[in-house]
Amino acid sequence: MSKETMRLYKEYVERAGSRIEVFREVRREFRSKRVLYPGSYVHLTPSLIFPEVIFVDSDIRAKRFFSCREEIWDHINQFKENEEEHLFQFISGDYQSEMNIPLNSIDLLISEYAGFVSIHTKEYLRNGGILLAGDSHGDATLANSDPDFLFLGVLKECEGQYCFQKGENERYFRRYRNMAVDLDTVKNTMKGPKYSKSADYYIFQKQGRTNEKEKINQK
């Protein structure tokens, strides 16, 4: 990759981490292939794990970064962790606007530090698809209150790696003294509330409202 392109990517990873262990665990558990990453900035790392990633961001630096397609292809092909053919696409713009992506076509939706991704882009996620969400901006909280999503479990750090944990879902999204969650406050402040038990990442499955809720076959 060119020095400028590599510099942006390295700076991002040094500041926010690559989170490659997170994506490895999601791929291992859920076999996701087609990924939508709104608010990605220059976080290229998912393309080393998943065969097809659509990055979306309105930052001009991200647009310049992803325009260096040859350098990005070289990096992906050098460091990808499987033998599959990898594809990537970059959409320059606000993910809250309509995007030229087929509805119900995405296996995995990534929501980290980019606001309410689950609200504005869930139409692109297929029924049975997975939402990987943090709660720094309150998006996991909103997804938990959304009947279109079923809370499956969390990703927790386990000896330097991340592992998917389920079976204790009732312990999450509970406030101290069972205080109610004010969703209007979450939306206005773009900040998740404090819970008695929290995780770095929350996993949800998109459910068809008229279909019986079924957990995906994880193997």
C-alpha atoms as a PDB file:
ATOM      1  CA  MET A   1       0.000   0.000   0.000  1.00  0.00           C
ATOM      2  CA  SER A   2       1.143   3.560  -0.561  1.00  0.00           C
ATOM      3  CA  LYS A   3       2.697   5.359   2.403  1.00  0.00           C
ATOM      4  CA  GLU A   4      -0.290   7.689   2.773  1.00  0.00           C
ATOM      5  CA  THR A   5      -2.813   4.888   2.608  1.00  0.00           C
ATOM      6  CA  MET A   6      -0.858   2.751   5.056  1.00  0.00           C
ATOM      7  CA  ARG A   7      -0.410   5.695   7.393  1.00  0.00           C
ATOM      8  CA  LEU A   8      -4.163   6.264   7.721  1.00  0.00           C
ATOM      9  CA  TYR A   9      -4.817   2.585   8.335  1.00  0.00           C
ATOM     10  CA  LYS A  10      -1.979   2.236  10.861  1.00  0.00           C
ATOM     11  CA  GLU A  11      -3.084   5.343  12.730  1.00  0.00           C
ATOM     12  CA  TYR A  12      -6.621   4.001  12.968  1.00  0.00           C
ATOM     13  CA  VAL A  13      -5.488   0.589  14.213  1.00  0.00           C
ATOM     14  CA  GLU A  14      -3.132   2.153  16.774  1.00  0.00           C
ATOM     15  CA  ARG A  15      -5.963   4.318  18.077  1.00  0.00           C
ATOM     16  CA  ALA A  16      -8.927   1.932  17.963  1.00  0.00           C
ATOM     17  CA  GLY A  17      -7.373  -1.508  17.524  1.00  0.00           C
ATOM     18  CA  SER A  18      -7.799  -3.883  14.598  1.00  0.00           C
ATOM     19  CA  ARG A  19     -10.482  -5.980  16.407  1.00  0.00           C
ATOM     20  CA  ILE A  20      -9.511  -8.864  14.162  1.00  0.00           C
ATOM     21  CA  GLU A  21     -10.173 -11.338  17.002  1.00  0.00           C
ATOM     22  CA  VAL A  22     -13.756 -10.099  17.134  1.00  0.00           C
ATOM     23  CA  PHE A  23     -14.323 -10.694  13.433  1.00  0.00           C
ATOM     24  CA  ARG A  24     -12.646 -14.104  13.592  1.00  0.00           C
ATOM     25  CA  GLU A  25     -15.067 -15.246  16.262  1.00  0.00           C
ATOM     26  CA  VAL A  26     -18.119 -13.914  14.429  1.00  0.00           C
ATOM     27  CA  ARG A  27     -17.059 -15.713  11.245  1.00  0.00           C
ATOM     28  CA  ARG A  28     -16.367 -18.929  13.162  1.00  0.00           C
ATOM     29  CA  GLU A  29     -19.719 -18.903  14.930  1.00  0.00           C
ATOM     30  CA  PHE A  30     -22.038 -17.589  12.254  1.00  0.00           C
ATOM     31  CA  ARG A  31     -20.318 -18.271   8.902  1.00  0.00           C
ATOM     32  CA  SER A  32     -21.154 -14.753   7.710  1.00  0.00           C
ATOM     33  CA  LYS A  33     -19.924 -13.915   4.220  1.00  0.00           C
ATOM     34  CA  ARG A  34     -21.550 -10.679   2.974  1.00  0.00           C
ATOM     35  CA  VAL A  35     -20.942  -7.794   5.377  1.00  0.00           C
ATOM     36  CA  LEU A  36     -22.190  -4.203   5.577  1.00  0.00           C
ATOM     37  CA  TYR A  37     -20.073  -1.814   7.648  1.00  0.00           C
ATOM     38  CA  PRO A  38     -21.655   1.657   7.986  1.00  0.00           C
ATOM     39  CA  GLY A  39     -19.365   4.291   9.465  1.00  0.00           C
ATOM     40  CA  SER A  40     -16.305   2.199   8.697  1.00  0.00           C
ATOM     41  CA  TYR A  41     -13.862   5.077   8.181  1.00  0.00           C
ATOM     42  CA  VAL A  42     -10.652   3.273   7.008  1.00  0.00           C
ATOM     43  CA  HIS A  43     -11.125   0.150   9.136  1.00  0.00           C
ATOM     44  CA  LEU A  44     -10.161  -2.376   6.459  1.00  0.00           C
ATOM     45  CA  THR A  45      -9.657  -5.306   8.840  1.00  0.00           C
ATOM     46  CA  PRO A  46     -13.025  -7.045   8.229  1.00  0.00           C
ATOM     47  CA  SER A  47     -11.933  -7.675   4.639  1.00  0.00           C
ATOM     48  CA  LEU A  48      -9.188  -9.940   5.949  1.00  0.00           C
ATOM     49  CA  ILE A  49     -11.832 -12.250   7.457  1.00  0.00           C
ATOM     50  CA  PHE A  50     -15.037 -11.949   5.418  1.00  0.00           C
ATOM     51  CA  PRO A  51     -15.228 -12.645   1.657  1.00  0.00           C
ATOM     52  CA  GLU A  52     -17.323  -9.577   0.784  1.00  0.00           C
ATOM     53  CA  VAL A  53     -17.485  -6.298   2.681  1.00  0.00           C
ATOM     54  CA  ILE A  54     -19.334  -3.097   1.816  1.00  0.00           C
ATOM     55  CA  PHE A  55     -17.788  -0.122   3.611  1.00  0.00           C
ATOM     56  CA  VAL A  56     -19.807   3.087   4.014  1.00  0.00           C
ATOM     57  CA  ASP A  57     -18.554   6.443   5.243  1.00  0.00           C
ATOM     58  CA  SER A  58     -18.986  10.137   4.479  1.00  0.00           C
ATOM     59  CA  ASP A  59     -15.466  11.160   5.564  1.00  0.00           C
ATOM     60  CA  ILE A  60     -13.400  12.442   2.637  1.00  0.00           C
ATOM     61  CA  ARG A  61     -10.329  10.680   4.051  1.00  0.00           C
ATOM     62  CA  ALA A  62     -12.145   7.350   3.826  1.00  0.00           C
ATOM     63  CA  LYS A  63     -13.076   8.113   0.221  1.00  0.00           C
ATOM     64  CA  ARG A  64      -9.441   8.799  -0.649  1.00  0.00           C
ATOM     65  CA  PHE A  65      -8.311   5.687   1.217  1.00  0.00           C
ATOM     66  CA  PHE A  66     -10.670   3.311  -0.584  1.00  0.00           C
ATOM     67  CA  SER A  67      -9.923   4.924  -3.946  1.00  0.00           C
ATOM     68  CA  CYS A  68      -6.445   3.308  -3.718  1.00  0.00           C
ATOM     69  CA  ARG A  69      -7.978   0.073  -4.901  1.00  0.00           C
ATOM     70  CA  GLU A  70      -4.842  -1.614  -6.170  1.00  0.00           C
ATOM     71  CA  GLU A  71      -2.991  -1.079  -2.899  1.00  0.00           C
ATOM     72  CA  ILE A  72      -5.999  -2.277  -0.897  1.00  0.00           C
ATOM     73  CA  TRP A  73      -6.332  -5.417  -3.029  1.00  0.00           C
ATOM     74  CA  ASP A  74      -2.645  -6.144  -2.467  1.00  0.00           C
ATOM     75  CA  HIS A  75      -3.061  -5.800   1.277  1.00  0.00           C
ATOM     76  CA  ILE A  76      -6.190  -7.985   1.407  1.00  0.00           C
ATOM     77  CA  ASN A  77      -4.667 -10.725  -0.713  1.00  0.00           C
ATOM     78  CA  GLN A  78      -1.490 -10.691   1.343  1.00  0.00           C
ATOM     79  CA  PHE A  79      -3.134 -10.876   4.770  1.00  0.00           C
ATOM     80  CA  LYS A  80      -6.557 -12.493   4.276  1.00  0.00           C
ATOM     81  CA  GLU A  81      -7.077 -15.523   6.510  1.00  0.00           C
ATOM     82  CA  ASN A  82      -8.752 -17.900   4.073  1.00  0.00           C
ATOM     83  CA  GLU A  83      -8.435 -19.015   0.471  1.00  0.00           C
ATOM     84  CA  GLU A  84     -11.745 -17.557  -0.696  1.00  0.00           C
ATOM     85  CA  GLU A  85     -11.898 -14.775  -3.250  1.00  0.00           C
ATOM     86  CA  HIS A  86     -12.413 -11.497  -1.411  1.00  0.00           C
ATOM     87  CA  LEU A  87     -14.381  -8.528  -2.695  1.00  0.00           C
ATOM     88  CA  PHE A  88     -14.878  -5.068  -1.285  1.00  0.00           C
ATOM     89  CA  GLN A  89     -16.972  -2.030  -2.144  1.00  0.00           C
ATOM     90  CA  PHE A  90     -16.901   1.476  -0.746  1.00  0.00           C
ATOM     91  CA  ILE A  91     -19.931   3.763  -0.674  1.00  0.00           C
ATOM     92  CA  SER A  92     -19.123   7.410  -0.031  1.00  0.00           C
ATOM     93  CA  GLY A  93     -22.006   9.039   1.789  1.00  0.00           C
ATOM     94  CA  ASP A  94     -24.320   8.999   4.779  1.00  0.00           C
ATOM     95  CA  TYR A  95     -25.578   5.507   5.603  1.00  0.00           C
ATOM     96  CA  GLN A  96     -28.892   7.042   6.684  1.00  0.00           C
ATOM     97  CA  SER A  97     -29.560   7.844   3.025  1.00  0.00           C
ATOM     98  CA  GLU A  98     -30.795   5.248   0.575  1.00  0.00           C
ATOM     99  CA  MET A  99     -27.988   3.042  -0.712  1.00  0.00           C
ATOM    100  CA  ASN A 100     -27.796   0.939  -3.834  1.00  0.00           C
ATOM    101  CA  ILE A 101     -27.718  -2.350  -1.924  1.00  0.00           C
ATOM    102  CA  PRO A 102     -30.345  -5.073  -2.393  1.00  0.00           C
ATOM    103  CA  LEU A 103     -32.678  -5.343   0.570  1.00  0.00           C
ATOM    104  CA  ASN A 104     -32.372  -8.443   2.770  1.00  0.00           C
ATOM    105  CA  SER A 105     -29.032  -9.367   1.165  1.00  0.00           C
ATOM    106  CA  ILE A 106     -26.502  -8.874   3.991  1.00  0.00           C
ATOM    107  CA  ASP A 107     -25.329 -11.629   6.365  1.00  0.00           C
ATOM    108  CA  LEU A 108     -23.639  -9.400   8.932  1.00  0.00           C
ATOM    109  CA  LEU A 109     -24.202  -5.785   9.920  1.00  0.00           C
ATOM    110  CA  ILE A 110     -21.407  -4.109  11.905  1.00  0.00           C
ATOM    111  CA  SER A 111     -22.310  -1.272  14.270  1.00  0.00           C
ATOM    112  CA  GLU A 112     -19.462   0.092  16.363  1.00  0.00           C
ATOM    113  CA  TYR A 113     -18.858   3.843  16.714  1.00  0.00           C
ATOM    114  CA  ALA A 114     -21.187   5.219  14.065  1.00  0.00           C
ATOM    115  CA  GLY A 115     -24.502   6.004  15.716  1.00  0.00           C
ATOM    116  CA  PHE A 116     -27.755   4.146  15.186  1.00  0.00           C
ATOM    117  CA  VAL A 117     -26.758   1.750  12.445  1.00  0.00           C
ATOM    118  CA  SER A 118     -29.353  -0.835  13.463  1.00  0.00           C
ATOM    119  CA  ILE A 119     -32.224   1.580  12.853  1.00  0.00           C
ATOM    120  CA  HIS A 120     -31.156   2.974   9.512  1.00  0.00           C
ATOM    121  CA  THR A 121     -29.671  -0.054   7.757  1.00  0.00           C
ATOM    122  CA  LYS A 122     -31.475  -3.128   9.089  1.00  0.00           C
ATOM    123  CA  GLU A 123     -33.529  -3.332   5.887  1.00  0.00           C
ATOM    124  CA  TYR A 124     -30.400  -4.540   4.097  1.00  0.00           C
ATOM    125  CA  LEU A 125     -29.843  -7.364   6.606  1.00  0.00           C
ATOM    126  CA  ARG A 126     -31.499 -10.643   5.661  1.00  0.00           C
ATOM    127  CA  ASN A 127     -33.844 -12.419   8.049  1.00  0.00           C
ATOM    128  CA  GLY A 128     -31.607 -14.626  10.155  1.00  0.00           C
ATOM    129  CA  GLY A 129     -28.676 -12.286   9.569  1.00  0.00           C
ATOM    130  CA  ILE A 130     -26.475 -11.079  12.410  1.00  0.00           C
ATOM    131  CA  LEU A 131     -26.022  -7.630  13.945  1.00  0.00           C
ATOM    132  CA  LEU A 132     -22.713  -7.089  15.746  1.00  0.00           C
ATOM    133  CA  ALA A 133     -23.197  -4.005  17.903  1.00  0.00           C
ATOM    134  CA  GLY A 134     -21.377  -2.100  20.587  1.00  0.00           C
ATOM    135  CA  ASP A 135     -23.234   0.203  22.953  1.00  0.00           C
ATOM    136  CA  SER A 136     -20.938   3.224  23.144  1.00  0.00           C
ATOM    137  CA  HIS A 137     -23.502   5.159  21.084  1.00  0.00           C
ATOM    138  CA  GLY A 138     -26.468   3.201  22.439  1.00  0.00           C
ATOM    139  CA  ASP A 139     -27.082   1.111  19.330  1.00  0.00           C
ATOM    140  CA  ALA A 140     -27.088  -2.223  21.163  1.00  0.00           C
ATOM    141  CA  THR A 141     -29.646  -0.785  23.576  1.00  0.00           C
ATOM    142  CA  LEU A 142     -31.880   0.275  20.679  1.00  0.00           C
ATOM    143  CA  ALA A 143     -31.518  -3.101  18.974  1.00  0.00           C
ATOM    144  CA  ASN A 144     -32.481  -4.854  22.201  1.00  0.00           C
ATOM    145  CA  SER A 145     -35.747  -2.903  22.271  1.00  0.00           C
ATOM    146  CA  ASP A 146     -36.449  -3.508  18.568  1.00  0.00           C
ATOM    147  CA  PRO A 147     -38.855  -6.405  17.819  1.00  0.00           C
ATOM    148  CA  ASP A 148     -36.977  -6.991  14.565  1.00  0.00           C
ATOM    149  CA  PHE A 149     -33.955  -8.203  16.553  1.00  0.00           C
ATOM    150  CA  LEU A 150     -33.467 -11.171  18.858  1.00  0.00           C
ATOM    151  CA  PHE A 151     -30.638 -10.897  21.387  1.00  0.00           C
ATOM    152  CA  LEU A 152     -28.455 -14.019  21.034  1.00  0.00           C
ATOM    153  CA  GLY A 153     -25.508 -13.339  23.322  1.00  0.00           C
ATOM    154  CA  VAL A 154     -22.281 -11.408  23.722  1.00  0.00           C
ATOM    155  CA  LEU A 155     -18.652 -11.473  22.716  1.00  0.00           C
ATOM    156  CA  LYS A 156     -16.358 -11.520  25.732  1.00  0.00           C
ATOM    157  CA  GLU A 157     -12.597 -11.422  25.876  1.00  0.00           C
ATOM    158  CA  CYS A 158     -11.156 -14.795  26.848  1.00  0.00           C
ATOM    159  CA  GLU A 159      -7.398 -14.919  27.398  1.00  0.00           C
ATOM    160  CA  GLY A 160      -6.617 -12.423  24.667  1.00  0.00           C
ATOM    161  CA  GLN A 161      -9.225 -13.776  22.271  1.00  0.00           C
ATOM    162  CA  TYR A 162     -12.934 -13.181  21.934  1.00  0.00           C
ATOM    163  CA  CYS A 163     -15.518 -15.893  22.422  1.00  0.00           C
ATOM    164  CA  PHE A 164     -19.255 -15.977  21.870  1.00  0.00           C
ATOM    165  CA  GLN A 165     -21.214 -16.511  25.091  1.00  0.00           C
ATOM    166  CA  LYS A 166     -24.892 -17.305  25.327  1.00  0.00           C
ATOM    167  CA  GLY A 167     -27.207 -18.615  28.004  1.00  0.00           C
ATOM    168  CA  GLU A 168     -27.010 -15.611  30.338  1.00  0.00           C
ATOM    169  CA  ASN A 169     -28.926 -13.165  28.186  1.00  0.00           C
ATOM    170  CA  GLU A 170     -31.320 -12.208  30.983  1.00  0.00           C
ATOM    171  CA  ARG A 171     -28.376 -10.700  32.881  1.00  0.00           C
ATOM    172  CA  TYR A 172     -27.678  -8.082  30.210  1.00  0.00           C
ATOM    173  CA  PHE A 173     -29.528  -4.826  29.525  1.00  0.00           C
ATOM    174  CA  ARG A 174     -30.671  -4.672  33.149  1.00  0.00           C
ATOM    175  CA  ARG A 175     -30.121  -1.428  34.989  1.00  0.00           C
ATOM    176  CA  TYR A 176     -29.231  -1.030  38.622  1.00  0.00           C
ATOM    177  CA  ARG A 177     -32.302  -1.351  40.844  1.00  0.00           C
ATOM    178  CA  ASN A 178     -34.210  -2.329  37.676  1.00  0.00           C
ATOM    179  CA  MET A 179     -34.425   1.273  36.515  1.00  0.00           C
ATOM    180  CA  ALA A 180     -36.190   1.703  33.194  1.00  0.00           C
ATOM    181  CA  VAL A 181     -34.217   2.467  30.043  1.00  0.00           C
ATOM    182  CA  ASP A 182     -35.219   5.812  28.546  1.00  0.00           C
ATOM    183  CA  LEU A 183     -34.863   5.295  24.800  1.00  0.00           C
ATOM    184  CA  ASP A 184     -35.482   8.963  24.045  1.00  0.00           C
ATOM    185  CA  THR A 185     -32.508   9.887  26.224  1.00  0.00           C
ATOM    186  CA  VAL A 186     -30.364   7.298  24.442  1.00  0.00           C
ATOM    187  CA  LYS A 187     -31.345   8.755  21.060  1.00  0.00           C
ATOM    188  CA  ASN A 188     -30.786  12.345  22.149  1.00  0.00           C
ATOM    189  CA  THR A 189     -27.429  11.760  23.827  1.00  0.00           C
ATOM    190  CA  MET A 190     -26.185   8.974  21.510  1.00  0.00           C
ATOM    191  CA  LYS A 191     -24.851   7.200  24.580  1.00  0.00           C
ATOM    192  CA  GLY A 192     -25.693   3.791  25.989  1.00  0.00           C
ATOM    193  CA  PRO A 193     -26.862   3.674  29.621  1.00  0.00           C
ATOM    194  CA  LYS A 194     -24.946   1.942  32.398  1.00  0.00           C
ATOM    195  CA  TYR A 195     -26.056  -1.605  33.095  1.00  0.00           C
ATOM    196  CA  SER A 196     -25.367  -3.956  35.980  1.00  0.00           C
ATOM    197  CA  LYS A 197     -23.629  -6.318  33.521  1.00  0.00           C
ATOM    198  CA  SER A 198     -22.149  -5.252  30.202  1.00  0.00           C
ATOM    199  CA  ALA A 199     -20.068  -6.615  27.337  1.00  0.00           C
ATOM    200  CA  ASP A 200     -17.819  -5.211  24.630  1.00  0.00           C
ATOM    201  CA  TYR A 201     -20.010  -6.543  21.809  1.00  0.00           C
ATOM    202  CA  TYR A 202     -23.596  -7.746  21.583  1.00  0.00           C
ATOM    203  CA  ILE A 203     -24.942 -10.203  19.027  1.00  0.00           C
ATOM    204  CA  PHE A 204     -28.465  -9.986  17.619  1.00  0.00           C
ATOM    205  CA  GLN A 205     -30.314 -11.891  14.929  1.00  0.00           C
ATOM    206  CA  LYS A 206     -32.756 -10.175  12.604  1.00  0.00           C
ATOM    207  CA  GLN A 207     -36.213 -11.699  12.775  1.00  0.00           C
ATOM    208  CA  GLY A 208     -39.037 -11.493  10.259  1.00  0.00           C
ATOM    209  CA  ARG A 209     -41.952 -10.002  12.148  1.00  0.00           C
ATOM    210  CA  THR A 210     -44.405 -12.520  10.714  1.00  0.00           C
ATOM    211  CA  ASN A 211     -42.065 -15.509  11.102  1.00  0.00           C
ATOM    212  CA  GLU A 212     -41.473 -17.700  14.109  1.00  0.00           C
ATOM    213  CA  LYS A 213     -38.294 -16.684  15.906  1.00  0.00           C
ATOM    214  CA  GLU A 214     -35.621 -19.256  15.227  1.00  0.00           C
ATOM    215  CA  LYS A 215     -31.974 -19.062  16.127  1.00  0.00           C
ATOM    216  CA  ILE A 216     -29.665 -19.659  13.238  1.00  0.00           C
ATOM    217  CA  ASN A 217     -27.795 -22.890  12.796  1.00  0.00           C
ATOM    218  CA  GLN A 218     -24.414 -21.872  14.117  1.00  0.00           C
ATOM    219  CA  LYS A 219     -22.514 -24.878  12.833  1.00  0.00           C
END
